[in-house]
C-alpha atoms as a PDB file:
ATOM      1  CA  MET A   1    -160.152  -2.843-114.538  1.00  0.00           C
ATOM      2  CA  ARG A   2    -162.353  -2.223-111.512  1.00  0.00           C
ATOM      3  CA  LEU A   3    -164.744   0.154-113.272  1.00  0.00           C
ATOM      4  CA  ALA A   4    -165.195  -2.237-116.159  1.00  0.00           C
ATOM      5  CA  ILE A   5    -166.083  -5.052-113.765  1.00  0.00           C
ATOM      6  CA  ILE A   6    -168.602  -2.913-111.871  1.00  0.00           C
ATOM      7  CA  ALA A   7    -170.283  -1.617-115.008  1.00  0.00           C
ATOM      8  CA  ALA A   8    -170.509  -5.080-116.545  1.00  0.00           C
ATOM      9  CA  ALA A   9    -172.128  -6.483-113.402  1.00  0.00           C
ATOM     10  CA  LEU A  10    -175.294  -5.561-114.179  1.00  0.00           C
ATOM     11  CA  VAL A  11    -176.467  -8.371-112.875  1.00  0.00           C
ATOM     12  CA  ALA A  12    -177.851  -6.621-112.732  1.00  0.00           C
ATOM     13  CA  ALA A  13    -178.284  -4.007-115.937  1.00  0.00           C
ATOM     14  CA  ILE A  14    -176.214   2.262-119.611  1.00  0.00           C
ATOM     15  CA  PRO A  15    -176.971   5.590-121.335  1.00  0.00           C
ATOM     16  CA  VAL A  16    -180.476   6.918-121.591  1.00  0.00           C
ATOM     17  CA  VAL A  17    -182.234   5.730-124.757  1.00  0.00           C
ATOM     18  CA  SER A  18    -183.350   8.634-126.907  1.00  0.00           C
ATOM     19  CA  ALA A  19    -187.016   9.339-127.573  1.00  0.00           C
ATOM     20  CA  SER A  20    -186.663   8.479-131.264  1.00  0.00           C
ATOM     21  CA  THR A  21    -185.004   5.168-130.436  1.00  0.00           C
ATOM     22  CA  ALA A  22    -187.742   4.400-127.893  1.00  0.00           C
ATOM     23  CA  GLN A  23    -190.512   5.089-130.393  1.00  0.00           C
ATOM     24  CA  GLN A  24    -188.833   2.963-133.039  1.00  0.00           C
ATOM     25  CA  GLY A  25    -188.365   0.102-130.571  1.00  0.00           C
ATOM     26  CA  ARG A  26    -191.968   0.180-129.364  1.00  0.00           C
ATOM     27  CA  ALA A  27    -193.285   0.264-132.909  1.00  0.00           C
ATOM     28  CA  SER A  28    -191.428  -2.961-133.741  1.00  0.00           C
ATOM     29  CA  ALA A  29    -192.138  -4.698-130.430  1.00  0.00           C
ATOM     30  CA  GLY A  30    -194.108  -7.931-130.628  1.00  0.00           C
ATOM     31  CA  ASP A  31    -195.199 -10.194-127.814  1.00  0.00           C
ATOM     32  CA  CYS A  32    -194.378  -8.908-124.316  1.00  0.00           C
ATOM     33  CA  VAL A  33    -194.177 -10.249-120.761  1.00  0.00           C
ATOM     34  CA  THR A  34    -194.264  -8.585-117.367  1.00  0.00           C
ATOM     35  CA  ILE A  35    -191.215  -9.359-115.199  1.00  0.00           C
ATOM     36  CA  GLY A  36    -191.752  -9.839-111.472  1.00  0.00           C
ATOM     37  CA  THR A  37    -189.514  -8.735-108.607  1.00  0.00           C
ATOM     38  CA  PRO A  38    -187.416 -10.839-106.208  1.00  0.00           C
ATOM     39  CA  LYS A  39    -189.123 -12.030-103.060  1.00  0.00           C
ATOM     40  CA  PRO A  40    -187.816  -9.857-100.170  1.00  0.00           C
ATOM     41  CA  THR A  41    -187.815 -12.800 -97.724  1.00  0.00           C
ATOM     42  CA  ALA A  42    -185.932 -15.215-100.016  1.00  0.00           C
ATOM     43  CA  SER A  43    -182.236 -16.046-100.177  1.00  0.00           C
ATOM     44  CA  TYR A  44    -181.023 -16.657-103.741  1.00  0.00           C
ATOM     45  CA  VAL A  45    -177.940 -18.898-103.758  1.00  0.00           C
ATOM     46  CA  ILE A  46    -175.735 -18.636-106.855  1.00  0.00           C
ATOM     47  CA  GLN A  47    -172.751 -20.711-107.940  1.00  0.00           C
ATOM     48  CA  HIS A  48    -170.067 -18.661-109.702  1.00  0.00           C
ATOM     49  CA  SER A  49    -167.609 -20.671-111.816  1.00  0.00           C
ATOM     50  CA  GLU A  50    -164.708 -19.519-113.987  1.00  0.00           C
ATOM     51  CA  SER A  51    -162.890 -21.327-116.770  1.00  0.00           C
ATOM     52  CA  THR A  52    -159.718 -20.919-114.691  1.00  0.00           C
ATOM     53  CA  GLY A  53    -161.153 -23.495-112.278  1.00  0.00           C
ATOM     54  CA  LYS A  54    -162.274 -21.077-109.563  1.00  0.00           C
ATOM     55  CA  THR A  55    -165.713 -21.732-108.041  1.00  0.00           C
ATOM     56  CA  THR A  56    -167.460 -19.697-105.358  1.00  0.00           C
ATOM     57  CA  THR A  57    -170.934 -19.463-103.827  1.00  0.00           C
ATOM     58  CA  ILE A  58    -172.820 -16.192-103.460  1.00  0.00           C
ATOM     59  CA  THR A  59    -176.059 -15.507-101.591  1.00  0.00           C
ATOM     60  CA  GLN A  60    -178.262 -12.551-102.460  1.00  0.00           C
ATOM     61  CA  VAL A  61    -181.183 -11.257-100.401  1.00  0.00           C
ATOM     62  CA  TRP A  62    -183.116  -8.521-102.225  1.00  0.00           C
ATOM     63  CA  GLU A  63    -184.606  -6.084 -99.732  1.00  0.00           C
ATOM     64  CA  SER A  64    -186.346  -3.930-102.347  1.00  0.00           C
ATOM     65  CA  VAL A  65    -186.656  -3.413-106.113  1.00  0.00           C
ATOM     66  CA  THR A  66    -188.556  -0.372-107.394  1.00  0.00           C
ATOM     67  CA  ALA A  67    -188.663   1.896-110.421  1.00  0.00           C
ATOM     68  CA  THR A  68    -186.067   4.158-108.767  1.00  0.00           C
ATOM     69  CA  GLY A  69    -183.587   1.628-107.403  1.00  0.00           C
ATOM     70  CA  SER A  70    -182.819  -1.533-105.464  1.00  0.00           C
ATOM     71  CA  ARG A  71    -181.183  -2.687-102.261  1.00  0.00           C
ATOM     72  CA  MET A  72    -179.603  -6.106-101.849  1.00  0.00           C
ATOM     73  CA  LYS A  73    -177.563  -7.912 -99.190  1.00  0.00           C
ATOM     74  CA  TRP A  74    -174.621  -9.765-100.728  1.00  0.00           C
ATOM     75  CA  THR A  75    -172.806 -12.620 -98.980  1.00  0.00           C
ATOM     76  CA  GLY A  76    -169.770 -14.319-100.506  1.00  0.00           C
ATOM     77  CA  PRO A  77    -166.118 -15.310-100.012  1.00  0.00           C
ATOM     78  CA  ALA A  78    -165.091 -11.626-100.051  1.00  0.00           C
ATOM     79  CA  GLY A  79    -167.427 -10.822 -97.150  1.00  0.00           C
ATOM     80  CA  ASN A  80    -170.855  -9.335 -96.568  1.00  0.00           C
ATOM     81  CA  TRP A  81    -172.150  -5.995 -97.762  1.00  0.00           C
ATOM     82  CA  ILE A  82    -175.201  -4.064 -98.966  1.00  0.00           C
ATOM     83  CA  GLN A  83    -175.446  -3.096-102.627  1.00  0.00           C
ATOM     84  CA  VAL A  84    -177.612  -0.054-103.325  1.00  0.00           C
ATOM     85  CA  ILE A  85    -178.450   0.864-106.910  1.00  0.00           C
ATOM     86  CA  ASP A  86    -180.033   4.146-107.977  1.00  0.00           C
ATOM     87  CA  HIS A  87    -181.641   3.833-111.389  1.00  0.00           C
ATOM     88  CA  HIS A  88    -184.552   4.956-113.487  1.00  0.00           C
ATOM     89  CA  ILE A  89    -186.534   3.149-116.168  1.00  0.00           C
ATOM     90  CA  VAL A  90    -186.416   4.285-119.787  1.00  0.00           C
ATOM     91  CA  ASP A  91    -188.056   2.388-122.634  1.00  0.00           C
ATOM     92  CA  ASP A  92    -188.401  -0.816-120.569  1.00  0.00           C
ATOM     93  CA  VAL A  93    -184.743  -0.962-119.451  1.00  0.00           C
ATOM     94  CA  SER A  94    -183.049   0.079-116.236  1.00  0.00           C
ATOM     95  CA  VAL A  95    -180.676   3.022-116.555  1.00  0.00           C
ATOM     96  CA  LEU A  96    -178.037   2.880-113.829  1.00  0.00           C
ATOM     97  CA  ASP A  97    -177.124   6.233-112.270  1.00  0.00           C
ATOM     98  CA  ARG A  98    -175.150   5.144-109.206  1.00  0.00           C
ATOM     99  CA  MET A  99    -174.104   1.952-107.475  1.00  0.00           C
ATOM    100  CA  SER A 100    -173.014   2.091-103.832  1.00  0.00           C
ATOM    101  CA  LYS A 101    -171.411  -0.534-101.617  1.00  0.00           C
ATOM    102  CA  LEU A 102    -172.210  -0.254 -97.899  1.00  0.00           C
ATOM    103  CA  ASP A 103    -170.978  -2.244 -94.926  1.00  0.00           C
ATOM    104  CA  LEU A 104    -173.580  -3.977 -92.758  1.00  0.00           C
ATOM    105  CA  ASN A 105    -173.743  -0.893 -90.535  1.00  0.00           C
ATOM    106  CA  GLY A 106    -174.769   1.242 -93.504  1.00  0.00           C
ATOM    107  CA  ALA A 107    -171.446   3.069 -93.960  1.00  0.00           C
ATOM    108  CA  LEU A 108    -170.417   3.792 -97.562  1.00  0.00           C
ATOM    109  CA  THR A 109    -167.242   1.938 -98.613  1.00  0.00           C
ATOM    110  CA  GLU A 110    -167.220   2.584-102.361  1.00  0.00           C
ATOM    111  CA  ALA A 111    -169.416   4.007-105.106  1.00  0.00           C
ATOM    112  CA  THR A 112    -169.588   4.253-108.873  1.00  0.00           C
ATOM    113  CA  SER A 113    -171.705   6.800-110.698  1.00  0.00           C
ATOM    114  CA  PHE A 114    -172.409   7.017-114.421  1.00  0.00           C
ATOM    115  CA  LYS A 115    -172.980  10.126-116.532  1.00  0.00           C
ATOM    116  CA  PRO A 116    -175.419  10.345-118.218  1.00  0.00           C
ATOM    117  CA  GLY A 117    -176.396   6.854-116.969  1.00  0.00           C
ATOM    118  CA  ILE A 118    -175.691   3.409-118.399  1.00  0.00           C
ATOM    119  CA  VAL A 119    -178.211   0.894-119.788  1.00  0.00           C
ATOM    120  CA  GLY A 120    -178.545  -2.187-117.581  1.00  0.00           C
ATOM    121  CA  ASP A 121    -181.064  -4.886-118.434  1.00  0.00           C
ATOM    122  CA  PRO A 122    -184.788  -5.341-119.151  1.00  0.00           C
ATOM    123  CA  ALA A 123    -186.685  -3.984-116.157  1.00  0.00           C
ATOM    124  CA  PHE A 124    -190.336  -4.841-115.512  1.00  0.00           C
ATOM    125  CA  ARG A 125    -191.375  -5.528-119.103  1.00  0.00           C
ATOM    126  CA  ALA A 126    -189.698  -7.372-121.975  1.00  0.00           C
ATOM    127  CA  CYS A 127    -190.839  -7.607-125.587  1.00  0.00           C
ATOM    128  CA  GLU A 128    -189.706 -10.131-128.147  1.00  0.00           C
ATOM    129  CA  GLY A 129    -187.103  -8.885-130.618  1.00  0.00           C
ATOM    130  CA  ARG A 130    -186.283  -5.620-128.821  1.00  0.00           C
ATOM    131  CA  THR A 131    -182.807  -4.093-129.158  1.00  0.00           C
ATOM    132  CA  TRP A 132    -181.156  -1.030-127.614  1.00  0.00           C
ATOM    133  CA  PRO A 133    -177.834   0.715-128.296  1.00  0.00           C
ATOM    134  CA  ILE A 134    -175.498   1.169-125.341  1.00  0.00           C
ATOM    135  CA  PRO A 135    -173.500   4.375-125.946  1.00  0.00           C
ATOM    136  CA  ALA A 136    -170.271   5.024-124.069  1.00  0.00           C
ATOM    137  CA  VAL A 137    -170.619   6.972-120.807  1.00  0.00           C
ATOM    138  CA  THR A 138    -168.295   8.351-118.162  1.00  0.00           C
ATOM    139  CA  ALA A 139    -167.933   6.292-114.969  1.00  0.00           C
ATOM    140  CA  PHE A 140    -166.662   7.776-111.712  1.00  0.00           C
ATOM    141  CA  PHE A 141    -165.360   5.333-109.081  1.00  0.00           C
ATOM    142  CA  GLN A 142    -164.430   6.284-105.526  1.00  0.00           C
ATOM    143  CA  SER A 143    -163.219   4.173-102.625  1.00  0.00           C
ATOM    144  CA  GLY A 144    -161.666   6.072 -99.718  1.00  0.00           C
ATOM    145  CA  THR A 145    -159.106   8.459-101.185  1.00  0.00           C
ATOM    146  CA  LEU A 146    -158.961   6.553-104.486  1.00  0.00           C
ATOM    147  CA  LYS A 147    -160.798   8.268-107.335  1.00  0.00           C
ATOM    148  CA  VAL A 148    -160.867   6.939-110.898  1.00  0.00           C
ATOM    149  CA  THR A 149    -162.637   8.239-113.998  1.00  0.00           C
ATOM    150  CA  GLN A 150    -163.055   6.020-117.042  1.00  0.00           C
ATOM    151  CA  GLN A 151    -165.015   5.939-120.279  1.00  0.00           C
ATOM    152  CA  THR A 152    -167.077   2.774-120.715  1.00  0.00           C
ATOM    153  CA  PRO A 153    -167.114   1.111-124.155  1.00  0.00           C
ATOM    154  CA  ALA A 154    -170.220   1.204-126.323  1.00  0.00           C
ATOM    155  CA  GLY A 155    -172.284  -1.901-126.891  1.00  0.00           C
ATOM    156  CA  SER A 156    -175.794  -3.218-127.317  1.00  0.00           C
ATOM    157  CA  LEU A 157    -178.636  -4.983-125.519  1.00  0.00           C
ATOM    158  CA  ARG A 158    -180.787  -7.518-127.361  1.00  0.00           C
ATOM    159  CA  ILE A 159    -183.661  -9.732-126.274  1.00  0.00           C
ATOM    160  CA  VAL A 160    -183.205 -13.160-127.808  1.00  0.00           C
ATOM    161  CA  ALA A 161    -186.454 -14.699-126.583  1.00  0.00           C
ATOM    162  CA  ILE A 162    -189.202 -14.353-123.999  1.00  0.00           C
ATOM    163  CA  ARG A 163    -190.824 -17.244-122.114  1.00  0.00           C
ATOM    164  CA  GLU A 164    -187.758 -19.390-122.799  1.00  0.00           C
ATOM    165  CA  ARG A 165    -187.640 -22.365-120.438  1.00  0.00           C
ATOM    166  CA  VAL A 166    -184.293 -22.894-118.719  1.00  0.00           C
ATOM    167  CA  THR A 167    -183.335 -25.534-116.151  1.00  0.00           C
ATOM    168  CA  VAL A 168    -180.744 -24.846-113.437  1.00  0.00           C
ATOM    169  CA  PRO A 169    -180.077 -26.592-110.102  1.00  0.00           C
ATOM    170  CA  ALA A 170    -182.746 -24.422-108.418  1.00  0.00           C
ATOM    171  CA  GLY A 171    -185.416 -25.677-110.837  1.00  0.00           C
ATOM    172  CA  THR A 172    -187.008 -24.891-114.184  1.00  0.00           C
ATOM    173  CA  PHE A 173    -187.945 -21.302-114.973  1.00  0.00           C
ATOM    174  CA  ASP A 174    -189.674 -19.401-117.752  1.00  0.00           C
ATOM    175  CA  ALA A 175    -187.152 -16.692-118.547  1.00  0.00           C
ATOM    176  CA  VAL A 176    -186.352 -13.653-120.644  1.00  0.00           C
ATOM    177  CA  HIS A 177    -183.190 -14.518-122.580  1.00  0.00           C
ATOM    178  CA  TYR A 178    -181.059 -11.518-123.537  1.00  0.00           C
ATOM    179  CA  ILE A 179    -177.501 -10.620-124.552  1.00  0.00           C
ATOM    180  CA  ARG A 180    -175.631  -7.535-123.385  1.00  0.00           C
ATOM    181  CA  THR A 181    -172.279  -6.463-124.846  1.00  0.00           C
ATOM    182  CA  SER A 182    -170.061  -3.668-123.551  1.00  0.00           C
ATOM    183  CA  GLN A 183    -167.058  -4.365-121.316  1.00  0.00           C
ATOM    184  CA  SER A 184    -167.690  -8.051-121.956  1.00  0.00           C
ATOM    185  CA  ALA A 185    -170.118 -10.303-123.827  1.00  0.00           C
ATOM    186  CA  ASP A 186    -172.811 -11.495-121.406  1.00  0.00           C
ATOM    187  CA  GLU A 187    -175.778 -13.785-121.937  1.00  0.00           C
ATOM    188  CA  TYR A 188    -178.568 -13.844-119.332  1.00  0.00           C
ATOM    189  CA  TRP A 189    -181.700 -15.789-118.501  1.00  0.00           C
ATOM    190  CA  LYS A 190    -183.913 -13.735-116.157  1.00  0.00           C
ATOM    191  CA  SER A 191    -186.826 -15.443-114.426  1.00  0.00           C
ATOM    192  CA  ILE A 192    -190.135 -13.873-115.417  1.00  0.00           C
ATOM    193  CA  ASP A 193    -191.723 -14.813-112.096  1.00  0.00           C
ATOM    194  CA  GLN A 194    -188.803 -14.226-109.695  1.00  0.00           C
ATOM    195  CA  GLY A 195    -187.230 -11.230-111.437  1.00  0.00           C
ATOM    196  CA  VAL A 196    -183.701 -12.540-110.863  1.00  0.00           C
ATOM    197  CA  VAL A 197    -181.072 -13.870-113.246  1.00  0.00           C
ATOM    198  CA  VAL A 198    -181.068 -17.671-112.953  1.00  0.00           C
ATOM    199  CA  LYS A 199    -178.280 -18.249-115.474  1.00  0.00           C
ATOM    200  CA  HIS A 200    -175.480 -16.051-116.779  1.00  0.00           C
ATOM    201  CA  ILE A 201    -172.603 -16.796-119.156  1.00  0.00           C
ATOM    202  CA  GLY A 202    -170.007 -14.067-119.560  1.00  0.00           C
ATOM    203  CA  LYS A 203    -166.832 -13.854-121.617  1.00  0.00           C
ATOM    204  CA  ALA A 204    -164.086 -11.319-120.981  1.00  0.00           C
ATOM    205  CA  GLY A 205    -160.877 -11.997-122.850  1.00  0.00           C
ATOM    206  CA  ALA A 206    -159.850 -15.614-122.330  1.00  0.00           C
ATOM    207  CA  VAL A 207    -161.987 -16.112-119.216  1.00  0.00           C
ATOM    208  CA  THR A 208    -165.513 -17.520-119.306  1.00  0.00           C
ATOM    209  CA  ILE A 209    -167.768 -17.027-116.279  1.00  0.00           C
ATOM    210  CA  THR A 210    -170.842 -19.156-115.622  1.00  0.00           C
ATOM    211  CA  GLU A 211    -173.337 -18.352-112.874  1.00  0.00           C
ATOM    212  CA  THR A 212    -176.367 -20.473-112.041  1.00  0.00           C
ATOM    213  CA  LEU A 213    -179.052 -20.255-109.378  1.00  0.00           C
ATOM    214  CA  THR A 214    -178.653 -23.317-107.181  1.00  0.00           C
ATOM    215  CA  SER A 215    -181.437 -22.763-104.653  1.00  0.00           C
ATOM    216  CA  VAL A 216    -184.045 -20.343-103.334  1.00  0.00           C
ATOM    217  CA  LYS A 217    -184.441 -20.510 -99.563  1.00  0.00           C
END
């Protein structure tokens, strides 16, 4: 369903982690790395492949990434748009509050908000062995006159390794390797230097999705 797809896309990325959970996680945290942010002048080209045989190319240009949100231009077979994410950082993970889709003129075309917020992915810092619960939240989707409310399934976020070296067509990167389960089971390798996902393997039902960074221009 549309809401499930949007919530799982976090790429990028979600309920707020409680204080007790945060303290427990920090106490058990080992080695840590600082994750950079995407270069605002770079174009990140990604190949999206599905086990059904479908292959597409997507280009992302990140205009900004901060502790309160991000803005990215997305170009693909479905067209061009601006993705704006409002989030906050809790216990080293992004907590997604709202995701908006704008046309190139800045007009809102659709939006999804999450109450109380849904856990995305490791933000600017990742520590070896960290885990977080992902409780169910309420998602509100609106596009024109269409309004849908749906409960997202619970799941978990787990860091498998930090400084794991992964090779994709765009090159070899030192990455944070983590697994996120909720609407689907997704495995990510996020570049420590670039702050973008360079490899992603997702499974939803019988379909497997593989995304790899092919070039940085």
